[in-house]
Each structure stands twice: as structure tokens, then as C-alpha cells.
Amino acid sequence: TSHGMILGESGEKMSKSRGNVINPNDIVEKYGADTLRLYIMFIGDFEKSAPWSDSAVKGCKRFLDRVWNLAENRIGGEDAISEINEKAVHQAIKKVGDDIESMKFNTAIAALMTLV
């Protein structure tokens, strides 16, 4: 499964002659492979074309940094999770599970972004 087509930032087809091609190696070098993978899953339905967005790539990187920082600060901690946060976590788990089964990765990621 793959996206219909990833378009340029202004919505036109990417091509070398237009000079709007994005080199994935440059993105991996600057932001990391996990950021690129997350962005590709986040940009929309796999069956539809989607425009490239540098700012959305940066947003994905910030999200992954927040997740990493949260994990580093919580691992080994003995603080109990609040009832409100526990409920939000369980709702997110349900939503993400349902979305992944439906191959709606973009909405699954959005649910995680909302949670974090």
C-alpha cells in the first residue's frame, strides 16, 4: 500500500524539471528515518495524493522528540497516572487500534499527537 502521489508544496506534481523534487535521503539526514516514516503515514489516506509540507515534517520531528522525552522521564518513575490521564490513554489505545485495523494511519497518529 502506498500513497497515490506525493505532490509539491503548492499541490503540483513533483518533477526534476520543476525543481520541486524532495530527496528522501536529505530528509533522513536532517530529521531521521523515523520522522520521514511518521510523516508519510501522517499526511493522509494512502489511496489519495497528498502535498509535501516541510512544516509538517518539522511537526512530526517535534512530536517524536516529545514522545522520546516523555519516555525518558517516565521510565522508572513511581508516580501513578491520574484518573483523567488513564482514561485518555485507554481512549487513545482504542482509537489507534481501530484506525490501524482500518489502515487509517493518519488519524491514528493524530490521536497519539493529541494524547501527548
N, C-alpha and C. Protein backbone atom coordinates (compact mmCIF):
# COMPACT_ATOMS: atom_id res chain seq x y z
N THR A 1 0.85 -1.17 0.00
CA THR A 1 0.00 0.00 0.00
C THR A 1 0.89 1.23 0.00
N SER A 2 0.55 2.20 -0.84
CA SER A 2 1.30 3.44 -0.87
C SER A 2 0.38 4.59 -1.27
N HIS A 3 0.86 5.80 -1.04
CA HIS A 3 0.08 6.98 -1.40
C HIS A 3 -0.11 7.04 -2.90
N GLY A 4 -1.24 7.67 -3.30
CA GLY A 4 -1.46 7.87 -4.72
C GLY A 4 -0.28 8.61 -5.33
N MET A 5 0.07 9.74 -4.76
CA MET A 5 1.22 10.51 -5.22
C MET A 5 1.50 11.59 -4.18
N ILE A 6 2.76 11.84 -3.93
CA ILE A 6 3.12 12.95 -3.06
C ILE A 6 3.43 14.12 -3.97
N LEU A 7 2.69 15.20 -3.78
CA LEU A 7 2.78 16.37 -4.64
C LEU A 7 3.73 17.39 -4.04
N GLY A 8 4.07 18.40 -4.85
CA GLY A 8 4.87 19.51 -4.35
C GLY A 8 4.07 20.32 -3.34
N GLU A 9 4.74 21.24 -2.63
CA GLU A 9 4.06 22.02 -1.59
C GLU A 9 2.88 22.82 -2.11
N SER A 10 2.93 23.25 -3.36
CA SER A 10 1.82 24.03 -3.91
C SER A 10 0.79 23.14 -4.61
N GLY A 11 0.91 21.83 -4.45
CA GLY A 11 -0.09 20.91 -4.97
C GLY A 11 0.16 20.37 -6.37
N GLU A 12 1.26 20.79 -7.01
CA GLU A 12 1.56 20.30 -8.36
C GLU A 12 2.40 19.02 -8.29
N LYS A 13 2.40 18.27 -9.36
CA LYS A 13 3.17 17.04 -9.44
C LYS A 13 4.66 17.37 -9.30
N MET A 14 5.36 16.55 -8.52
CA MET A 14 6.80 16.75 -8.38
C MET A 14 7.50 16.28 -9.64
N SER A 15 8.51 17.05 -10.07
CA SER A 15 9.32 16.64 -11.21
C SER A 15 10.67 17.35 -11.14
N LYS A 16 11.67 16.70 -11.71
CA LYS A 16 13.01 17.29 -11.73
C LYS A 16 13.01 18.60 -12.51
N SER A 17 12.27 18.64 -13.62
CA SER A 17 12.26 19.85 -14.45
C SER A 17 11.66 21.04 -13.70
N ARG A 18 10.74 20.80 -12.79
CA ARG A 18 10.16 21.89 -12.00
C ARG A 18 11.04 22.23 -10.80
N GLY A 19 11.96 21.35 -10.48
CA GLY A 19 12.87 21.59 -9.36
C GLY A 19 12.21 21.45 -8.00
N ASN A 20 11.11 20.70 -7.94
CA ASN A 20 10.40 20.58 -6.67
C ASN A 20 10.45 19.17 -6.09
N VAL A 21 11.43 18.39 -6.50
CA VAL A 21 11.57 17.01 -6.02
C VAL A 21 12.23 17.04 -4.64
N ILE A 22 11.71 16.22 -3.74
CA ILE A 22 12.28 16.08 -2.40
C ILE A 22 13.12 14.82 -2.37
N ASN A 23 14.37 14.95 -1.97
CA ASN A 23 15.26 13.80 -1.84
C ASN A 23 15.07 13.20 -0.45
N PRO A 24 14.55 11.97 -0.36
CA PRO A 24 14.32 11.38 0.96
C PRO A 24 15.60 11.24 1.79
N ASN A 25 16.73 11.07 1.14
CA ASN A 25 18.00 10.96 1.88
C ASN A 25 18.30 12.25 2.64
N ASP A 26 17.96 13.40 2.03
CA ASP A 26 18.17 14.68 2.71
C ASP A 26 17.28 14.80 3.95
N ILE A 27 16.05 14.33 3.84
CA ILE A 27 15.12 14.39 4.97
C ILE A 27 15.61 13.47 6.09
N VAL A 28 16.04 12.26 5.73
CA VAL A 28 16.55 11.31 6.73
C VAL A 28 17.77 11.88 7.42
N GLU A 29 18.66 12.50 6.66
CA GLU A 29 19.88 13.07 7.24
C GLU A 29 19.55 14.21 8.21
N LYS A 30 18.57 15.04 7.85
CA LYS A 30 18.24 16.21 8.66
C LYS A 30 17.35 15.88 9.86
N TYR A 31 16.34 15.01 9.66
CA TYR A 31 15.34 14.76 10.70
C TYR A 31 15.32 13.32 11.22
N GLY A 32 15.92 12.39 10.49
CA GLY A 32 15.91 10.99 10.89
C GLY A 32 14.88 10.18 10.12
N ALA A 33 15.15 8.88 10.01
CA ALA A 33 14.26 7.99 9.26
C ALA A 33 12.90 7.85 9.92
N ASP A 34 12.86 7.83 11.25
CA ASP A 34 11.58 7.70 11.94
C ASP A 34 10.66 8.87 11.63
N THR A 35 11.23 10.06 11.55
CA THR A 35 10.43 11.24 11.22
C THR A 35 9.85 11.12 9.83
N LEU A 36 10.65 10.69 8.87
CA LEU A 36 10.15 10.53 7.50
C LEU A 36 9.05 9.48 7.44
N ARG A 37 9.27 8.35 8.10
CA ARG A 37 8.25 7.29 8.11
C ARG A 37 6.95 7.79 8.74
N LEU A 38 7.06 8.49 9.86
CA LEU A 38 5.88 9.02 10.53
C LEU A 38 5.15 10.01 9.62
N TYR A 39 5.89 10.90 8.99
CA TYR A 39 5.28 11.89 8.11
C TYR A 39 4.53 11.23 6.96
N ILE A 40 5.13 10.24 6.34
CA ILE A 40 4.48 9.56 5.21
C ILE A 40 3.17 8.91 5.65
N MET A 41 3.14 8.36 6.85
CA MET A 41 1.89 7.77 7.34
C MET A 41 0.89 8.83 7.76
N PHE A 42 1.38 10.01 8.16
CA PHE A 42 0.52 11.06 8.71
C PHE A 42 -0.14 11.94 7.65
N ILE A 43 0.43 12.03 6.45
CA ILE A 43 -0.04 13.04 5.50
C ILE A 43 -1.42 12.80 4.93
N GLY A 44 -1.99 11.64 5.11
CA GLY A 44 -3.36 11.44 4.64
C GLY A 44 -3.63 10.01 4.26
N ASP A 45 -4.82 9.80 3.70
CA ASP A 45 -5.22 8.47 3.24
C ASP A 45 -4.22 7.95 2.22
N PHE A 46 -3.92 6.66 2.31
CA PHE A 46 -2.95 6.06 1.40
C PHE A 46 -3.41 6.06 -0.04
N GLU A 47 -4.70 6.06 -0.27
CA GLU A 47 -5.20 5.99 -1.64
C GLU A 47 -5.18 7.34 -2.34
N LYS A 48 -5.03 8.42 -1.59
CA LYS A 48 -5.14 9.77 -2.15
C LYS A 48 -3.77 10.44 -2.26
N SER A 49 -3.68 11.36 -3.21
CA SER A 49 -2.48 12.17 -3.34
C SER A 49 -2.43 13.16 -2.18
N ALA A 50 -1.23 13.57 -1.82
CA ALA A 50 -1.06 14.50 -0.71
C ALA A 50 0.10 15.43 -1.00
N PRO A 51 -0.02 16.71 -0.66
CA PRO A 51 1.08 17.64 -0.87
C PRO A 51 2.16 17.49 0.20
N TRP A 52 3.40 17.70 -0.21
CA TRP A 52 4.53 17.69 0.70
C TRP A 52 4.48 18.97 1.53
N SER A 53 4.89 18.89 2.79
CA SER A 53 4.93 20.06 3.65
C SER A 53 6.14 19.98 4.58
N ASP A 54 7.09 20.89 4.36
CA ASP A 54 8.27 20.92 5.23
C ASP A 54 7.87 21.20 6.68
N SER A 55 6.89 22.07 6.89
CA SER A 55 6.48 22.39 8.26
C SER A 55 5.85 21.19 8.95
N ALA A 56 5.13 20.35 8.20
CA ALA A 56 4.55 19.14 8.79
C ALA A 56 5.64 18.13 9.14
N VAL A 57 6.70 18.06 8.34
CA VAL A 57 7.83 17.18 8.66
C VAL A 57 8.45 17.65 9.98
N LYS A 58 8.63 18.96 10.12
CA LYS A 58 9.18 19.50 11.37
C LYS A 58 8.27 19.19 12.55
N GLY A 59 6.95 19.27 12.32
CA GLY A 59 5.98 18.94 13.37
C GLY A 59 6.08 17.48 13.79
N CYS A 60 6.29 16.60 12.82
CA CYS A 60 6.47 15.17 13.14
C CYS A 60 7.73 14.97 13.97
N LYS A 61 8.78 15.69 13.65
CA LYS A 61 10.03 15.59 14.41
C LYS A 61 9.81 16.07 15.85
N ARG A 62 9.09 17.19 16.01
CA ARG A 62 8.81 17.70 17.36
C ARG A 62 7.98 16.68 18.16
N PHE A 63 7.01 16.05 17.50
CA PHE A 63 6.18 15.04 18.16
C PHE A 63 7.05 13.88 18.64
N LEU A 64 7.91 13.36 17.77
CA LEU A 64 8.78 12.25 18.17
C LEU A 64 9.71 12.65 19.30
N ASP A 65 10.20 13.89 19.28
CA ASP A 65 11.04 14.37 20.38
C ASP A 65 10.26 14.40 21.70
N ARG A 66 8.99 14.84 21.64
CA ARG A 66 8.16 14.86 22.85
C ARG A 66 7.93 13.45 23.38
N VAL A 67 7.66 12.51 22.47
CA VAL A 67 7.45 11.12 22.88
C VAL A 67 8.72 10.58 23.54
N TRP A 68 9.86 10.84 22.93
CA TRP A 68 11.13 10.37 23.48
C TRP A 68 11.37 10.97 24.87
N ASN A 69 11.16 12.28 25.00
CA ASN A 69 11.36 12.93 26.30
C ASN A 69 10.39 12.41 27.35
N LEU A 70 9.16 12.17 26.95
CA LEU A 70 8.17 11.62 27.87
C LEU A 70 8.60 10.24 28.35
N ALA A 71 9.06 9.41 27.43
CA ALA A 71 9.50 8.06 27.79
C ALA A 71 10.72 8.11 28.71
N GLU A 72 11.66 8.98 28.42
CA GLU A 72 12.86 9.09 29.27
C GLU A 72 12.51 9.54 30.68
N ASN A 73 11.57 10.45 30.80
CA ASN A 73 11.22 11.00 32.11
C ASN A 73 10.28 10.09 32.90
N ARG A 74 9.55 9.21 32.24
CA ARG A 74 8.59 8.34 32.92
C ARG A 74 9.15 6.97 33.27
N ILE A 75 10.09 6.48 32.51
CA ILE A 75 10.62 5.14 32.75
C ILE A 75 11.29 5.12 34.12
N GLY A 76 10.85 4.18 34.94
CA GLY A 76 11.42 4.06 36.28
C GLY A 76 10.76 4.97 37.30
N GLY A 77 9.88 5.85 36.83
CA GLY A 77 9.18 6.73 37.76
C GLY A 77 8.10 5.98 38.50
N GLU A 78 7.85 6.39 39.73
CA GLU A 78 6.85 5.68 40.53
C GLU A 78 5.56 6.47 40.64
N ASP A 79 5.46 7.61 39.98
CA ASP A 79 4.24 8.40 40.05
C ASP A 79 3.11 7.67 39.36
N ALA A 80 1.97 7.62 40.03
CA ALA A 80 0.80 6.99 39.44
C ALA A 80 0.19 7.93 38.41
N ILE A 81 -0.41 7.35 37.39
CA ILE A 81 -1.07 8.15 36.37
C ILE A 81 -2.43 8.61 36.92
N SER A 82 -2.80 9.84 36.63
CA SER A 82 -4.08 10.35 37.14
C SER A 82 -5.23 9.63 36.45
N GLU A 83 -6.39 9.68 37.09
CA GLU A 83 -7.58 9.02 36.53
C GLU A 83 -7.94 9.62 35.17
N ILE A 84 -7.83 10.92 35.06
CA ILE A 84 -8.16 11.60 33.79
C ILE A 84 -7.20 11.16 32.70
N ASN A 85 -5.90 11.13 33.01
CA ASN A 85 -4.91 10.70 32.02
C ASN A 85 -5.07 9.23 31.67
N GLU A 86 -5.41 8.41 32.65
CA GLU A 86 -5.60 6.98 32.39
C GLU A 86 -6.77 6.78 31.41
N LYS A 87 -7.83 7.52 31.61
CA LYS A 87 -8.98 7.43 30.71
C LYS A 87 -8.58 7.87 29.29
N ALA A 88 -7.83 8.95 29.19
CA ALA A 88 -7.38 9.44 27.88
C ALA A 88 -6.49 8.42 27.18
N VAL A 89 -5.63 7.77 27.94
CA VAL A 89 -4.75 6.74 27.38
C VAL A 89 -5.57 5.58 26.83
N HIS A 90 -6.54 5.12 27.60
CA HIS A 90 -7.37 4.00 27.15
C HIS A 90 -8.20 4.37 25.91
N GLN A 91 -8.71 5.60 25.86
CA GLN A 91 -9.45 6.04 24.67
C GLN A 91 -8.53 6.10 23.46
N ALA A 92 -7.31 6.57 23.65
CA ALA A 92 -6.35 6.64 22.55
C ALA A 92 -5.98 5.24 22.07
N ILE A 93 -5.79 4.31 22.99
CA ILE A 93 -5.46 2.93 22.61
C ILE A 93 -6.56 2.35 21.74
N LYS A 94 -7.81 2.55 22.14
CA LYS A 94 -8.95 2.04 21.37
C LYS A 94 -8.99 2.68 19.98
N LYS A 95 -8.85 4.01 19.92
CA LYS A 95 -8.91 4.73 18.64
C LYS A 95 -7.78 4.30 17.73
N VAL A 96 -6.58 4.24 18.25
CA VAL A 96 -5.41 3.87 17.44
C VAL A 96 -5.55 2.43 16.93
N GLY A 97 -5.99 1.53 17.78
CA GLY A 97 -6.20 0.14 17.35
C GLY A 97 -7.21 0.03 16.22
N ASP A 98 -8.34 0.73 16.38
CA ASP A 98 -9.38 0.71 15.34
C ASP A 98 -8.86 1.32 14.04
N ASP A 99 -8.15 2.44 14.15
CA ASP A 99 -7.64 3.11 12.95
C ASP A 99 -6.59 2.28 12.23
N ILE A 100 -5.73 1.61 12.97
CA ILE A 100 -4.72 0.77 12.34
C ILE A 100 -5.38 -0.39 11.61
N GLU A 101 -6.39 -1.00 12.21
CA GLU A 101 -7.11 -2.08 11.54
C GLU A 101 -7.73 -1.61 10.23
N SER A 102 -8.17 -0.35 10.21
CA SER A 102 -8.79 0.23 9.01
C SER A 102 -7.75 0.87 8.08
N MET A 103 -6.47 0.74 8.43
CA MET A 103 -5.36 1.35 7.68
C MET A 103 -5.51 2.87 7.57
N LYS A 104 -6.03 3.48 8.62
CA LYS A 104 -6.14 4.94 8.70
C LYS A 104 -5.03 5.43 9.63
N PHE A 105 -3.82 5.29 9.15
CA PHE A 105 -2.66 5.61 9.97
C PHE A 105 -2.61 7.09 10.33
N ASN A 106 -3.08 7.95 9.42
CA ASN A 106 -3.03 9.38 9.68
C ASN A 106 -3.88 9.76 10.90
N THR A 107 -5.07 9.17 11.03
CA THR A 107 -5.91 9.50 12.18
C THR A 107 -5.41 8.81 13.45
N ALA A 108 -4.78 7.66 13.31
CA ALA A 108 -4.17 7.00 14.47
C ALA A 108 -3.05 7.88 15.03
N ILE A 109 -2.22 8.40 14.15
CA ILE A 109 -1.12 9.27 14.59
C ILE A 109 -1.67 10.56 15.19
N ALA A 110 -2.72 11.11 14.59
CA ALA A 110 -3.34 12.32 15.13
C ALA A 110 -3.85 12.09 16.55
N ALA A 111 -4.42 10.91 16.80
CA ALA A 111 -4.89 10.58 18.15
C ALA A 111 -3.73 10.54 19.14
N LEU A 112 -2.60 9.98 18.71
CA LEU A 112 -1.43 9.95 19.58
C LEU A 112 -0.88 11.35 19.82
N MET A 113 -0.88 12.17 18.78
CA MET A 113 -0.40 13.55 18.92
C MET A 113 -1.28 14.32 19.91
N THR A 114 -2.58 14.08 19.85
CA THR A 114 -3.50 14.74 20.78
C THR A 114 -3.24 14.27 22.21
N LEU A 115 -2.97 13.00 22.38
CA LEU A 115 -2.71 12.45 23.71
C LEU A 115 -1.45 13.03 24.32
N VAL A 116 -0.40 13.09 23.53
CA VAL A 116 0.90 13.54 24.03
C VAL A 116 0.91 15.05 24.16
